[in-house]
Amino acid sequence: MFDEEPIKVFRVTLKEVIKRLSTIKDCDLNQFKDIVTEKFDGYNYEGEDELIGFDSWGDLSQDGNYQLSIKIDHEDAYEFTLHTAIANQKATIYNVL
């Protein structure tokens, strides 16, 4: 009777991804990369949505402040810098550029 139409998904903006990333507080280090990936849900650059940059993060087990880069796997995609504080095996993003 009714034709099923696909649900229209609106693209997530750069501003929304920054807002989402800024909400990461006291995240367990074992889940940190998965949660960062989750915050990019719905965001893409020219159809590409695979994230790269995790391999450059190195060892985050030491307490301290880190600047972590992450971006969509496209040469022209915006590269995010996550200013992150690690304390007691918990990660908090305090600034996103």
N, C-alpha and C. Protein backbone atom coordinates (compact mmCIF):
# COMPACT_ATOMS: atom_id res chain seq x y z
N MET A 1 0.82 -1.19 0.00
CA MET A 1 0.00 0.00 0.00
C MET A 1 0.87 1.26 0.00
N PHE A 2 1.79 1.33 0.93
CA PHE A 2 2.68 2.48 1.00
C PHE A 2 4.07 2.07 0.52
N ASP A 3 4.64 2.90 -0.30
CA ASP A 3 6.02 2.65 -0.70
C ASP A 3 6.93 3.09 0.43
N GLU A 4 7.85 2.22 0.78
CA GLU A 4 8.78 2.59 1.85
C GLU A 4 9.87 3.48 1.27
N GLU A 5 9.99 4.66 1.81
CA GLU A 5 11.03 5.58 1.38
C GLU A 5 12.15 5.53 2.41
N PRO A 6 13.37 5.59 1.95
CA PRO A 6 14.47 5.59 2.93
C PRO A 6 14.40 6.84 3.81
N ILE A 7 14.78 6.66 5.04
CA ILE A 7 14.80 7.77 5.98
C ILE A 7 15.96 8.68 5.61
N LYS A 8 15.67 9.96 5.49
CA LYS A 8 16.70 10.92 5.13
C LYS A 8 17.54 11.23 6.37
N VAL A 9 18.84 11.02 6.25
CA VAL A 9 19.77 11.30 7.34
C VAL A 9 20.49 12.60 7.00
N PHE A 10 20.43 13.53 7.92
CA PHE A 10 21.11 14.79 7.70
C PHE A 10 22.58 14.66 8.07
N ARG A 11 23.41 15.28 7.29
CA ARG A 11 24.84 15.22 7.51
C ARG A 11 25.21 16.02 8.75
N VAL A 12 26.08 15.45 9.54
CA VAL A 12 26.57 16.11 10.74
C VAL A 12 27.62 17.13 10.32
N THR A 13 27.56 18.32 10.89
CA THR A 13 28.49 19.39 10.54
C THR A 13 29.78 19.30 11.34
N LEU A 14 30.78 20.00 10.86
CA LEU A 14 32.06 20.11 11.56
C LEU A 14 31.84 20.66 12.96
N LYS A 15 31.01 21.67 13.07
CA LYS A 15 30.72 22.30 14.36
C LYS A 15 30.11 21.29 15.34
N GLU A 16 29.24 20.44 14.84
CA GLU A 16 28.61 19.43 15.70
C GLU A 16 29.62 18.40 16.18
N VAL A 17 30.55 17.99 15.32
CA VAL A 17 31.59 17.04 15.73
C VAL A 17 32.45 17.66 16.82
N ILE A 18 32.82 18.91 16.68
CA ILE A 18 33.62 19.59 17.71
C ILE A 18 32.86 19.64 19.02
N LYS A 19 31.58 19.94 18.96
CA LYS A 19 30.75 19.98 20.16
C LYS A 19 30.70 18.61 20.82
N ARG A 20 30.51 17.57 20.01
CA ARG A 20 30.45 16.20 20.55
C ARG A 20 31.77 15.80 21.19
N LEU A 21 32.88 16.09 20.53
CA LEU A 21 34.19 15.73 21.07
C LEU A 21 34.47 16.44 22.38
N SER A 22 33.99 17.66 22.49
CA SER A 22 34.21 18.46 23.71
C SER A 22 33.47 17.90 24.91
N THR A 23 32.55 16.98 24.70
CA THR A 23 31.80 16.40 25.83
C THR A 23 32.51 15.21 26.46
N ILE A 24 33.62 14.78 25.89
CA ILE A 24 34.32 13.62 26.45
C ILE A 24 35.06 14.03 27.72
N LYS A 25 34.59 13.49 28.82
CA LYS A 25 35.16 13.80 30.14
C LYS A 25 35.35 12.51 30.92
N ASP A 26 36.47 12.36 31.58
CA ASP A 26 36.76 11.20 32.43
C ASP A 26 36.42 9.88 31.76
N CYS A 27 36.84 9.73 30.52
CA CYS A 27 36.59 8.53 29.74
C CYS A 27 37.69 7.51 30.02
N ASP A 28 37.31 6.28 30.26
CA ASP A 28 38.27 5.21 30.47
C ASP A 28 39.16 5.07 29.24
N LEU A 29 40.47 4.98 29.44
CA LEU A 29 41.41 4.91 28.31
C LEU A 29 41.15 3.72 27.39
N ASN A 30 40.64 2.63 27.94
CA ASN A 30 40.35 1.45 27.12
C ASN A 30 39.23 1.71 26.12
N GLN A 31 38.38 2.68 26.39
CA GLN A 31 37.25 2.99 25.53
C GLN A 31 37.43 4.30 24.77
N PHE A 32 38.51 5.01 25.01
CA PHE A 32 38.68 6.35 24.47
C PHE A 32 38.61 6.40 22.94
N LYS A 33 39.34 5.55 22.25
CA LYS A 33 39.34 5.57 20.78
C LYS A 33 37.96 5.25 20.23
N ASP A 34 37.27 4.30 20.85
CA ASP A 34 35.92 3.94 20.39
C ASP A 34 34.95 5.10 20.58
N ILE A 35 35.06 5.80 21.70
CA ILE A 35 34.17 6.93 21.97
C ILE A 35 34.46 8.09 21.02
N VAL A 36 35.74 8.35 20.74
CA VAL A 36 36.09 9.39 19.77
C VAL A 36 35.49 9.04 18.41
N THR A 37 35.62 7.78 18.01
CA THR A 37 35.05 7.33 16.73
C THR A 37 33.54 7.53 16.71
N GLU A 38 32.90 7.22 17.80
CA GLU A 38 31.44 7.37 17.92
C GLU A 38 30.99 8.82 17.74
N LYS A 39 31.80 9.75 18.19
CA LYS A 39 31.45 11.18 18.09
C LYS A 39 31.44 11.67 16.65
N PHE A 40 32.07 10.93 15.74
CA PHE A 40 32.10 11.28 14.32
C PHE A 40 30.93 10.67 13.55
N ASP A 41 30.05 9.95 14.24
CA ASP A 41 28.93 9.29 13.58
C ASP A 41 28.09 10.29 12.78
N GLY A 42 27.93 10.04 11.49
CA GLY A 42 27.15 10.92 10.63
C GLY A 42 27.96 11.98 9.92
N TYR A 43 29.24 12.10 10.25
CA TYR A 43 30.10 13.11 9.62
C TYR A 43 30.92 12.42 8.53
N ASN A 44 31.04 13.07 7.38
CA ASN A 44 31.89 12.55 6.32
C ASN A 44 32.43 13.72 5.50
N TYR A 45 33.43 13.41 4.71
CA TYR A 45 33.99 14.40 3.80
C TYR A 45 33.97 13.79 2.41
N GLU A 46 33.16 14.38 1.54
CA GLU A 46 32.97 13.90 0.18
C GLU A 46 32.71 12.40 0.13
N GLY A 47 31.86 11.93 1.04
CA GLY A 47 31.45 10.53 1.07
C GLY A 47 32.36 9.62 1.87
N GLU A 48 33.52 10.09 2.26
CA GLU A 48 34.46 9.28 3.04
C GLU A 48 34.20 9.49 4.52
N ASP A 49 34.15 8.40 5.31
CA ASP A 49 33.91 8.55 6.74
C ASP A 49 34.89 7.77 7.62
N GLU A 50 35.89 7.14 7.01
CA GLU A 50 36.87 6.38 7.79
C GLU A 50 37.85 7.35 8.46
N LEU A 51 38.09 7.14 9.75
CA LEU A 51 39.00 7.99 10.52
C LEU A 51 40.42 7.45 10.46
N ILE A 52 41.38 8.37 10.38
CA ILE A 52 42.79 8.00 10.45
C ILE A 52 43.48 8.89 11.47
N GLY A 53 44.60 8.41 11.98
CA GLY A 53 45.39 9.20 12.91
C GLY A 53 45.60 8.51 14.24
N PHE A 54 44.83 7.47 14.53
CA PHE A 54 44.98 6.79 15.81
C PHE A 54 46.37 6.21 16.00
N ASP A 55 46.99 5.74 14.92
CA ASP A 55 48.32 5.13 15.03
C ASP A 55 49.38 6.15 15.44
N SER A 56 49.13 7.43 15.25
CA SER A 56 50.11 8.46 15.63
C SER A 56 49.94 8.90 17.10
N TRP A 57 48.92 8.38 17.77
CA TRP A 57 48.66 8.78 19.15
C TRP A 57 49.70 8.22 20.13
N GLY A 58 50.33 7.13 19.78
CA GLY A 58 51.35 6.55 20.65
C GLY A 58 50.76 5.99 21.93
N ASP A 59 51.58 5.98 22.96
CA ASP A 59 51.20 5.43 24.25
C ASP A 59 50.56 6.51 25.12
N LEU A 60 49.30 6.32 25.46
CA LEU A 60 48.58 7.29 26.28
C LEU A 60 48.48 6.86 27.73
N SER A 61 49.29 5.89 28.16
CA SER A 61 49.15 5.37 29.51
C SER A 61 49.75 6.28 30.58
N GLN A 62 50.59 7.22 30.17
CA GLN A 62 51.21 8.14 31.13
C GLN A 62 50.31 9.35 31.37
N ASP A 63 50.20 9.78 32.62
CA ASP A 63 49.45 10.99 32.92
C ASP A 63 50.12 12.19 32.26
N GLY A 64 49.31 13.13 31.79
CA GLY A 64 49.85 14.32 31.16
C GLY A 64 48.89 14.88 30.14
N ASN A 65 49.33 15.92 29.45
CA ASN A 65 48.53 16.57 28.41
C ASN A 65 49.07 16.16 27.05
N TYR A 66 48.15 15.90 26.13
CA TYR A 66 48.50 15.43 24.80
C TYR A 66 47.74 16.24 23.76
N GLN A 67 48.34 16.37 22.57
CA GLN A 67 47.66 16.93 21.41
C GLN A 67 47.56 15.80 20.39
N LEU A 68 46.34 15.32 20.22
CA LEU A 68 46.10 14.15 19.38
C LEU A 68 45.41 14.58 18.09
N SER A 69 45.95 14.13 16.97
CA SER A 69 45.38 14.48 15.67
C SER A 69 44.51 13.34 15.17
N ILE A 70 43.40 13.72 14.53
CA ILE A 70 42.46 12.75 13.95
C ILE A 70 41.78 13.42 12.77
N LYS A 71 41.50 12.66 11.72
CA LYS A 71 40.81 13.23 10.57
C LYS A 71 40.15 12.12 9.76
N ILE A 72 39.28 12.54 8.86
CA ILE A 72 38.69 11.63 7.89
C ILE A 72 39.75 11.30 6.85
N ASP A 73 39.74 10.07 6.37
CA ASP A 73 40.75 9.61 5.41
C ASP A 73 40.50 10.19 4.02
N HIS A 74 40.76 11.48 3.90
CA HIS A 74 40.66 12.20 2.62
C HIS A 74 41.70 13.31 2.68
N GLU A 75 42.42 13.50 1.60
CA GLU A 75 43.53 14.47 1.62
C GLU A 75 43.10 15.90 1.93
N ASP A 76 41.86 16.27 1.62
CA ASP A 76 41.39 17.63 1.86
C ASP A 76 40.55 17.78 3.13
N ALA A 77 40.38 16.70 3.89
CA ALA A 77 39.53 16.75 5.09
C ALA A 77 40.21 17.55 6.19
N TYR A 78 39.39 18.17 7.02
CA TYR A 78 39.87 18.95 8.16
C TYR A 78 40.53 18.02 9.18
N GLU A 79 41.69 18.42 9.69
CA GLU A 79 42.36 17.64 10.72
C GLU A 79 42.05 18.24 12.08
N PHE A 80 41.48 17.44 12.95
CA PHE A 80 41.14 17.87 14.30
C PHE A 80 42.33 17.66 15.21
N THR A 81 42.57 18.60 16.11
CA THR A 81 43.56 18.42 17.17
C THR A 81 42.80 18.38 18.48
N LEU A 82 42.92 17.24 19.16
CA LEU A 82 42.22 17.04 20.43
C LEU A 82 43.20 17.31 21.56
N HIS A 83 43.01 18.39 22.28
CA HIS A 83 43.84 18.69 23.44
C HIS A 83 43.25 17.87 24.58
N THR A 84 44.04 16.90 25.04
CA THR A 84 43.54 15.88 25.94
C THR A 84 44.41 15.78 27.19
N ALA A 85 43.75 15.67 28.32
CA ALA A 85 44.44 15.45 29.59
C ALA A 85 44.18 14.01 30.02
N ILE A 86 45.26 13.31 30.37
CA ILE A 86 45.16 11.95 30.88
C ILE A 86 45.56 11.98 32.34
N ALA A 87 44.69 11.42 33.19
CA ALA A 87 44.97 11.32 34.62
C ALA A 87 44.27 10.07 35.16
N ASN A 88 45.04 9.23 35.84
CA ASN A 88 44.49 8.01 36.46
C ASN A 88 43.75 7.14 35.47
N GLN A 89 44.34 6.96 34.28
CA GLN A 89 43.76 6.12 33.23
C GLN A 89 42.41 6.63 32.71
N LYS A 90 42.18 7.93 32.83
CA LYS A 90 40.97 8.57 32.33
C LYS A 90 41.38 9.70 31.39
N ALA A 91 40.62 9.87 30.31
CA ALA A 91 40.92 10.92 29.32
C ALA A 91 39.82 11.97 29.34
N THR A 92 40.24 13.22 29.27
CA THR A 92 39.31 14.36 29.17
C THR A 92 39.80 15.26 28.06
N ILE A 93 38.90 15.53 27.10
CA ILE A 93 39.23 16.48 26.04
C ILE A 93 38.84 17.86 26.53
N TYR A 94 39.81 18.76 26.62
CA TYR A 94 39.52 20.11 27.13
C TYR A 94 39.52 21.17 26.04
N ASN A 95 39.90 20.81 24.82
CA ASN A 95 39.83 21.77 23.71
C ASN A 95 39.93 20.99 22.40
N VAL A 96 39.21 21.45 21.40
CA VAL A 96 39.26 20.84 20.07
C VAL A 96 39.51 21.94 19.05
N LEU A 97 40.55 21.78 18.27
CA LEU A 97 40.87 22.73 17.21
C LEU A 97 40.87 22.02 15.88
